Amino acid sequence: MSGELLSESAVRDAIGSLVHVIEAAGALIIFVGAVWAFTRFAATGIRRRSLIGEFNKIRLSLGRFLVLGLEFQLAGDVLRTAVAPSFTEIGQLAAIAAIRTVLNFFLTREIAQERAEIERDREEPAPPRKAASASASASASAPAPSASV
């Protein structure tokens, strides 16, 4: 027996299995997010509520699922090249990592912008009602009743 604890092929096989599990987890996260977003979108449409405000919330949630799923996919790619990578594998990893990082950056930025927009919409006071303001101005301009003694 040599001084190796595990053979290189055994380590490659174990890492290959781990990569499949991690990539499957990433794909499952993205799939669950897409199904959840579609279900929410369909339910909102059936209830005939305003889709605009709800649509942004659904997009934010789907974006979070996508970002998390892409992180798992990137982790699988990094793990794949952990054992004696060739220059070709390193180049492929660099290209994949760059693409996924750019996607992740833009998704995260869009999520932050949408979240800020939703918060801004929540904080804006509702415009005063015309009926309430008309009756308030009518009562303010009417003469005060005089007190009879």
Foldseek 3Di string as FASTA:
>chain_A
DDPDPDDLVVVLVVLVVVLVVLLVVLVVLLVVLVVVLVVQQVVCVVVVDDCPLVVLVSLLSSLVSNLVSLVSNLVSLVSNCPRPHDPVSVVVNVVSCVVSVVVNVVSVVVSVVSVVVSVVVVPDDDDDDPVVVVVVVVVVPDDDDDDDD
